[in-house]
Amino acid sequence: MEHTVLKGIYVPLVTPFAEDGSVALDALEKLAGSLLDDGAAGLVALGTTGEPATLDAAERRAVVDVCAAVCADRGAQLVVGAGGADTRAAAEELAGLGARVPGAAAALVTVPAFVRPGEAGTVAHFRALAAASAVPLVIYHIPYRTGQQLSAGALLELAAIDGVVGVKYATGGLDQAAVELLAQAPDGFAVLSGEDAFLAPVLALGGAGGIPASAHLATARFVELTDAWERGDVPRARALGHRLTALATAAFAAPNPAVVKGVLHAQGRIPTPDVRLPLLPAGADEVAVALALATGLDH
C-alpha cells in the first residue's frame, strides 16, 4: 500500500436532495467540481456532513461514484467515510473499498461510537482495520459524538500504526492532547482540523490542513488560509483566519449541514435546502447571516 500524503483543504460534501426527496446527483457533480476548481485538495464522500446515516446503500454507492469520477477527472484526492463500531464488519468493508472505489486515497473512519472501548480497545480496533484495509486510514476523533476520549499518548500510538496516515481532530476546541500530538506526530502523519472554527490555530501549530464543512461556502478563501500559513504570511493568515472563523461559527448555528445547505440553495448551487430527518432545515435568519458572511469574503 502506497503512503498517502494528505495536505490542504478537503471538503466534506453535502448530499443535495431534489424536490422529490431523491439524491440530486447532477447537482452533486457540479458542486464537487466547483469545490475542486476553487482549489480544494480533495473531497470527503459520506462524511457526517453528507448525512450518510440517512442514505440507503444504493444512494451511498451513487454518491461515492460521482465523487470518484469528479476527483479522477481533476486529479484530486478522494477520502471515503467508512467503518463502524463492529470491528469485523468494518474490516470487511475496508478490505473491499479499494476494489469498489479504485481512486480512493484514504478512508475516514470514526473512533468506535457509543461502546466506549477504552484507549487500548480503540488502538486494537484500528490495528485490525489497518491490517485489513485496502486503503490508508484517517481516524476521525470526535469524542462528543463517540463518547470515547483519547489522550495524546493514545493518539500517538494510533499515528504509529502502519496504514494510518492521519486524524480528523474534532474535540470541540484546541486542547492539550492536540498540542502534544501536533508537536510529536511522526513525519507523514496528517493532523487535519475537524472543527471549522479552530482550523486557523491548528494550521498555526503545524497542522496539515482541515476538513471544514464551511469550506463549501468560501473554498478559495480556506485554501488561501492554508497557503498563507505555509508561506509564513502571518498577518494575512491571522486576518483571514478571523473572518473564516466568523463564517464557520455562522455555518454551525444549526445542526450541520442545515445552514450550509441553506446557503448553497440560496446561491443556486443545489436544488433544495433539504436535509433528512432527524435533521431539520435551518431557519431563514441563520441562513441569511452565513450567506452575508460568505458573500463578504468574495470582496
Protein backbone atom coordinates (compact mmCIF):
# COMPACT_ATOMS: atom_id res chain seq x y z
CA MET A 1 0.00 0.00 0.00
CA GLU A 2 1.44 3.37 -1.01
CA HIS A 3 1.68 6.02 1.67
CA THR A 4 -0.93 8.71 1.09
CA VAL A 5 0.11 12.27 1.88
CA LEU A 6 -2.80 14.49 2.92
CA LYS A 7 -2.37 18.25 2.89
CA GLY A 8 -4.71 21.18 2.42
CA ILE A 9 -8.47 21.57 2.40
CA TYR A 10 -10.74 18.54 1.97
CA VAL A 11 -14.40 19.48 1.65
CA PRO A 12 -16.82 17.02 3.32
CA LEU A 13 -19.53 17.11 0.68
CA VAL A 14 -23.18 17.65 1.43
CA THR A 15 -25.66 15.35 -0.28
CA PRO A 16 -28.07 17.55 -2.27
CA PHE A 17 -31.68 16.44 -2.47
CA ALA A 18 -34.13 17.11 -5.27
CA GLU A 19 -37.70 18.35 -4.81
CA ASP A 20 -38.95 14.74 -4.74
CA GLY A 21 -36.50 13.83 -1.98
CA SER A 22 -34.12 11.83 -4.14
CA VAL A 23 -30.38 12.47 -4.26
CA ALA A 24 -29.68 15.18 -6.83
CA LEU A 25 -26.65 13.57 -8.46
CA ASP A 26 -26.27 16.18 -11.20
CA ALA A 27 -26.11 18.93 -8.58
CA LEU A 28 -23.65 16.87 -6.55
CA GLU A 29 -21.38 16.51 -9.57
CA LYS A 30 -21.43 20.24 -10.34
CA LEU A 31 -20.88 21.18 -6.70
CA ALA A 32 -17.99 18.75 -6.33
CA GLY A 33 -16.33 20.08 -9.45
CA SER A 34 -16.69 23.70 -8.36
CA LEU A 35 -15.05 23.00 -4.99
CA LEU A 36 -12.05 21.37 -6.63
CA ASP A 37 -11.85 24.13 -9.23
CA ASP A 38 -11.63 26.61 -6.33
CA GLY A 39 -8.52 24.87 -5.03
CA ALA A 40 -9.61 22.14 -2.61
CA ALA A 41 -7.06 19.34 -2.41
CA GLY A 42 -9.80 16.75 -2.32
CA LEU A 43 -13.28 15.74 -1.28
CA VAL A 44 -14.70 13.61 1.51
CA ALA A 45 -17.65 11.49 0.42
CA LEU A 46 -20.02 10.10 3.06
CA GLY A 47 -18.63 12.18 5.90
CA THR A 48 -21.04 13.31 8.58
CA THR A 49 -21.87 16.42 6.51
CA GLY A 50 -23.15 14.13 3.74
CA GLU A 51 -25.83 12.63 6.02
CA PRO A 52 -24.73 9.05 5.24
CA ALA A 53 -26.84 7.55 8.03
CA THR A 54 -29.97 8.66 6.15
CA LEU A 55 -28.85 7.32 2.76
CA ASP A 56 -29.64 3.79 1.63
CA ALA A 57 -26.92 1.54 0.18
CA ALA A 58 -27.71 2.44 -3.43
CA GLU A 59 -27.61 6.16 -2.65
CA ARG A 60 -24.29 5.83 -0.85
CA ARG A 61 -22.78 3.99 -3.81
CA ALA A 62 -24.08 6.61 -6.23
CA VAL A 63 -22.64 9.46 -4.17
CA VAL A 64 -19.22 7.80 -4.00
CA ASP A 65 -19.24 7.02 -7.72
CA VAL A 66 -19.97 10.66 -8.61
CA CYS A 67 -17.28 11.96 -6.26
CA ALA A 68 -14.74 9.42 -7.52
CA ALA A 69 -15.35 10.43 -11.13
CA VAL A 70 -15.02 14.14 -10.39
CA CYS A 71 -11.82 13.64 -8.39
CA ALA A 72 -10.32 11.40 -11.07
CA ASP A 73 -11.14 13.97 -13.76
CA ARG A 74 -9.31 16.70 -11.82
CA GLY A 75 -6.51 14.68 -10.29
CA ALA A 76 -7.76 15.34 -6.76
CA GLN A 77 -7.82 13.07 -3.73
CA LEU A 78 -10.99 11.29 -2.59
CA VAL A 79 -11.49 10.27 1.02
CA VAL A 80 -14.45 7.98 1.72
CA GLY A 81 -16.29 7.72 5.01
CA ALA A 82 -16.39 4.08 6.10
CA GLY A 83 -16.23 1.74 9.07
CA GLY A 84 -18.23 1.48 12.26
CA ALA A 85 -18.19 0.18 15.81
CA ASP A 86 -18.17 -3.51 14.78
CA THR A 87 -14.51 -4.25 14.09
CA ARG A 88 -15.17 -7.35 11.99
CA ALA A 89 -17.77 -5.68 9.78
CA ALA A 90 -15.66 -2.54 9.40
CA ALA A 91 -12.62 -4.59 8.44
CA GLU A 92 -14.63 -6.43 5.80
CA GLU A 93 -15.92 -3.14 4.38
CA LEU A 94 -12.45 -1.61 4.26
CA ALA A 95 -10.93 -4.70 2.68
CA GLY A 96 -13.25 -4.27 -0.28
CA LEU A 97 -13.04 -0.50 -0.55
CA GLY A 98 -10.12 -0.44 -2.95
CA ALA A 99 -11.98 -2.59 -5.47
CA ARG A 100 -15.23 -0.64 -5.10
CA VAL A 101 -13.55 2.77 -5.27
CA PRO A 102 -10.27 2.33 -7.17
CA GLY A 103 -9.32 6.00 -6.85
CA ALA A 104 -9.82 6.31 -3.09
CA ALA A 105 -6.84 7.98 -1.39
CA ALA A 106 -7.99 7.05 2.11
CA ALA A 107 -10.94 6.05 4.26
CA LEU A 108 -12.21 8.30 7.06
CA VAL A 109 -13.07 6.00 9.96
CA THR A 110 -14.68 7.22 13.17
CA VAL A 111 -13.47 6.06 16.57
CA PRO A 112 -15.98 3.38 17.64
CA ALA A 113 -19.07 5.21 18.83
CA PHE A 114 -21.20 4.56 21.89
CA VAL A 115 -19.42 1.36 23.00
CA ARG A 116 -16.56 3.33 24.64
CA PRO A 117 -13.94 0.57 24.27
CA GLY A 118 -11.22 2.50 26.14
CA GLU A 119 -7.93 3.61 24.69
CA ALA A 120 -6.45 0.13 24.44
CA GLY A 121 -9.57 -1.18 22.70
CA THR A 122 -9.59 1.77 20.31
CA VAL A 123 -5.95 1.16 19.37
CA ALA A 124 -6.62 -2.56 18.89
CA HIS A 125 -9.65 -1.73 16.72
CA PHE A 126 -7.58 0.43 14.39
CA ARG A 127 -4.72 -2.05 14.26
CA ALA A 128 -7.18 -4.65 12.99
CA LEU A 129 -8.73 -2.23 10.49
CA ALA A 130 -5.38 -1.04 9.15
CA ALA A 131 -4.23 -4.64 8.68
CA ALA A 132 -7.37 -5.47 6.69
CA SER A 133 -7.90 -2.25 4.76
CA ALA A 134 -7.14 -1.88 1.07
CA VAL A 135 -6.64 1.88 1.53
CA PRO A 136 -4.91 4.06 4.15
CA LEU A 137 -6.95 5.21 7.13
CA VAL A 138 -7.71 8.64 8.56
CA ILE A 139 -9.01 8.36 12.11
CA TYR A 140 -11.99 10.56 12.92
CA HIS A 141 -11.64 11.57 16.56
CA ILE A 142 -14.81 13.31 17.74
CA PRO A 143 -15.40 12.37 21.38
CA TYR A 144 -18.55 14.44 21.90
CA ARG A 145 -20.22 12.16 19.32
CA THR A 146 -18.46 8.87 20.05
CA GLY A 147 -18.20 9.06 23.85
CA GLN A 148 -14.54 7.97 23.69
CA GLN A 149 -11.80 10.36 24.81
CA LEU A 150 -8.21 9.74 23.70
CA SER A 151 -5.05 11.03 25.33
CA ALA A 152 -2.05 12.33 23.40
CA GLY A 153 -0.31 9.05 24.16
CA ALA A 154 -3.11 7.02 22.59
CA LEU A 155 -3.25 9.31 19.56
CA LEU A 156 0.50 8.96 19.04
CA GLU A 157 0.14 5.18 19.35
CA LEU A 158 -2.52 5.31 16.64
CA ALA A 159 -0.32 7.55 14.49
CA ALA A 160 2.43 4.92 14.58
CA ILE A 161 0.22 2.18 13.09
CA ASP A 162 1.26 1.22 9.57
CA GLY A 163 -1.52 2.27 7.22
CA VAL A 164 -2.85 5.08 9.43
CA VAL A 165 -1.97 8.34 7.66
CA GLY A 166 -3.86 11.00 9.57
CA VAL A 167 -6.51 12.10 12.01
CA LYS A 168 -9.51 14.37 11.67
CA TYR A 169 -9.29 16.08 15.03
CA ALA A 170 -12.63 17.34 16.31
CA THR A 171 -12.74 17.63 20.08
CA GLY A 172 -14.63 20.91 20.26
CA GLY A 173 -11.53 23.03 20.71
CA LEU A 174 -7.76 23.05 20.72
CA ASP A 175 -6.86 21.00 23.78
CA GLN A 176 -3.67 19.79 25.42
CA ALA A 177 -3.77 16.48 23.57
CA ALA A 178 -3.92 18.32 20.23
CA VAL A 179 -0.92 20.47 21.13
CA GLU A 180 1.11 17.40 22.13
CA LEU A 181 0.04 15.48 19.02
CA LEU A 182 0.98 18.35 16.71
CA ALA A 183 4.37 18.63 18.40
CA GLN A 184 5.19 14.92 18.27
CA ALA A 185 3.33 13.44 15.28
CA PRO A 186 5.56 11.35 13.02
CA ASP A 187 6.53 12.57 9.57
CA GLY A 188 3.82 11.86 7.02
CA PHE A 189 1.02 11.77 9.60
CA ALA A 190 -1.54 14.47 8.85
CA VAL A 191 -3.31 16.27 11.67
CA LEU A 192 -6.41 17.71 10.00
CA SER A 193 -8.70 20.09 11.83
CA GLY A 194 -12.22 18.75 12.12
CA GLU A 195 -13.51 21.86 13.86
CA ASP A 196 -14.02 24.65 11.33
CA ALA A 197 -13.64 27.43 13.90
CA PHE A 198 -10.29 26.04 15.07
CA LEU A 199 -8.71 25.49 11.66
CA ALA A 200 -6.52 28.61 11.87
CA PRO A 201 -4.84 27.76 15.21
CA VAL A 202 -4.33 24.14 14.13
CA LEU A 203 -2.56 25.39 10.99
CA ALA A 204 -0.54 27.82 13.09
CA LEU A 205 0.73 24.90 15.18
CA GLY A 206 1.73 22.90 12.12
CA GLY A 207 -1.44 21.04 11.15
CA ALA A 208 -1.58 19.69 7.60
CA GLY A 209 -4.98 21.15 6.77
CA GLY A 210 -8.61 20.56 7.56
CA ILE A 211 -11.94 19.01 6.64
CA PRO A 212 -14.24 22.03 7.13
CA ALA A 213 -17.90 21.87 6.10
CA SER A 214 -18.00 25.66 5.88
CA ALA A 215 -15.42 25.47 3.09
CA HIS A 216 -18.37 24.79 0.77
CA LEU A 217 -19.14 28.49 1.14
CA ALA A 218 -15.68 30.02 0.67
CA THR A 219 -13.43 27.31 -0.71
CA ALA A 220 -10.83 29.60 -2.25
CA ARG A 221 -10.50 31.57 0.99
CA PHE A 222 -9.94 28.43 3.05
CA VAL A 223 -7.29 27.35 0.56
CA GLU A 224 -5.75 30.82 0.78
CA LEU A 225 -5.62 30.45 4.57
CA THR A 226 -3.64 27.20 4.36
CA ASP A 227 -1.33 28.72 1.76
CA ALA A 228 -0.72 31.81 3.92
CA TRP A 229 0.40 29.72 6.88
CA GLU A 230 2.50 27.55 4.58
CA ARG A 231 4.47 30.51 3.20
CA GLY A 232 4.69 32.26 6.58
CA ASP A 233 2.45 35.20 5.76
CA VAL A 234 1.27 35.57 9.35
CA PRO A 235 -0.57 38.92 9.03
CA ARG A 236 -2.65 37.63 6.10
CA ALA A 237 -3.27 34.28 7.80
CA ARG A 238 -4.43 35.92 11.03
CA ALA A 239 -6.78 38.37 9.33
CA LEU A 240 -8.27 35.74 7.06
CA GLY A 241 -8.50 33.25 9.90
CA HIS A 242 -10.64 35.63 11.94
CA ARG A 243 -13.06 36.16 9.04
CA LEU A 244 -13.32 32.44 8.30
CA THR A 245 -13.89 31.68 11.97
CA ALA A 246 -16.90 34.02 11.88
CA LEU A 247 -18.22 32.16 8.83
CA ALA A 248 -17.62 28.80 10.48
CA THR A 249 -19.49 29.87 13.61
CA ALA A 250 -22.45 31.01 11.50
CA ALA A 251 -22.40 27.80 9.45
CA PHE A 252 -22.86 25.78 12.64
CA ALA A 253 -25.64 27.90 14.13
CA ALA A 254 -27.95 24.95 13.42
CA PRO A 255 -27.03 21.26 13.31
CA ASN A 256 -24.69 20.60 10.39
CA PRO A 257 -25.26 20.63 7.40
CA ALA A 258 -28.53 22.58 7.59
CA VAL A 259 -27.02 26.07 7.34
CA VAL A 260 -24.51 25.09 4.67
CA LYS A 261 -27.29 23.60 2.58
CA GLY A 262 -29.44 26.67 3.11
CA VAL A 263 -26.69 28.94 1.82
CA LEU A 264 -25.86 26.69 -1.12
CA HIS A 265 -29.53 26.70 -2.10
CA ALA A 266 -29.73 30.49 -1.77
CA GLN A 267 -26.72 30.73 -4.07
CA GLY A 268 -28.44 28.50 -6.64
CA ARG A 269 -25.87 25.73 -6.30
CA ILE A 270 -28.18 22.95 -5.06
CA PRO A 271 -31.88 22.47 -5.89
CA THR A 272 -33.26 22.48 -2.34
CA PRO A 273 -32.00 23.25 1.18
CA ASP A 274 -33.49 19.96 2.38
CA VAL A 275 -31.99 17.68 4.99
CA ARG A 276 -33.42 14.34 6.06
CA LEU A 277 -34.95 13.64 9.44
CA PRO A 278 -33.97 13.67 12.23
CA LEU A 279 -32.32 16.88 10.99
CA LEU A 280 -34.47 19.93 10.27
CA PRO A 281 -33.78 22.77 7.81
CA ALA A 282 -32.02 25.86 9.12
CA GLY A 283 -34.02 29.00 9.86
CA ALA A 284 -34.08 31.91 7.43
CA ASP A 285 -32.14 34.16 9.81
CA GLU A 286 -29.42 31.57 10.33
CA VAL A 287 -29.01 31.16 6.58
CA ALA A 288 -29.02 34.92 5.98
CA VAL A 289 -26.18 35.54 8.43
CA ALA A 290 -23.95 32.85 6.90
CA LEU A 291 -24.82 33.95 3.36
CA ALA A 292 -23.84 37.54 4.11
CA LEU A 293 -20.52 36.45 5.60
CA ALA A 294 -19.77 34.15 2.67
CA THR A 295 -20.63 36.90 0.19
CA GLY A 296 -18.40 39.36 2.04
CA LEU A 297 -15.43 37.01 1.70
CA ASP A 298 -15.61 37.40 -2.06
CA HIS A 299 -14.69 41.09 -1.75
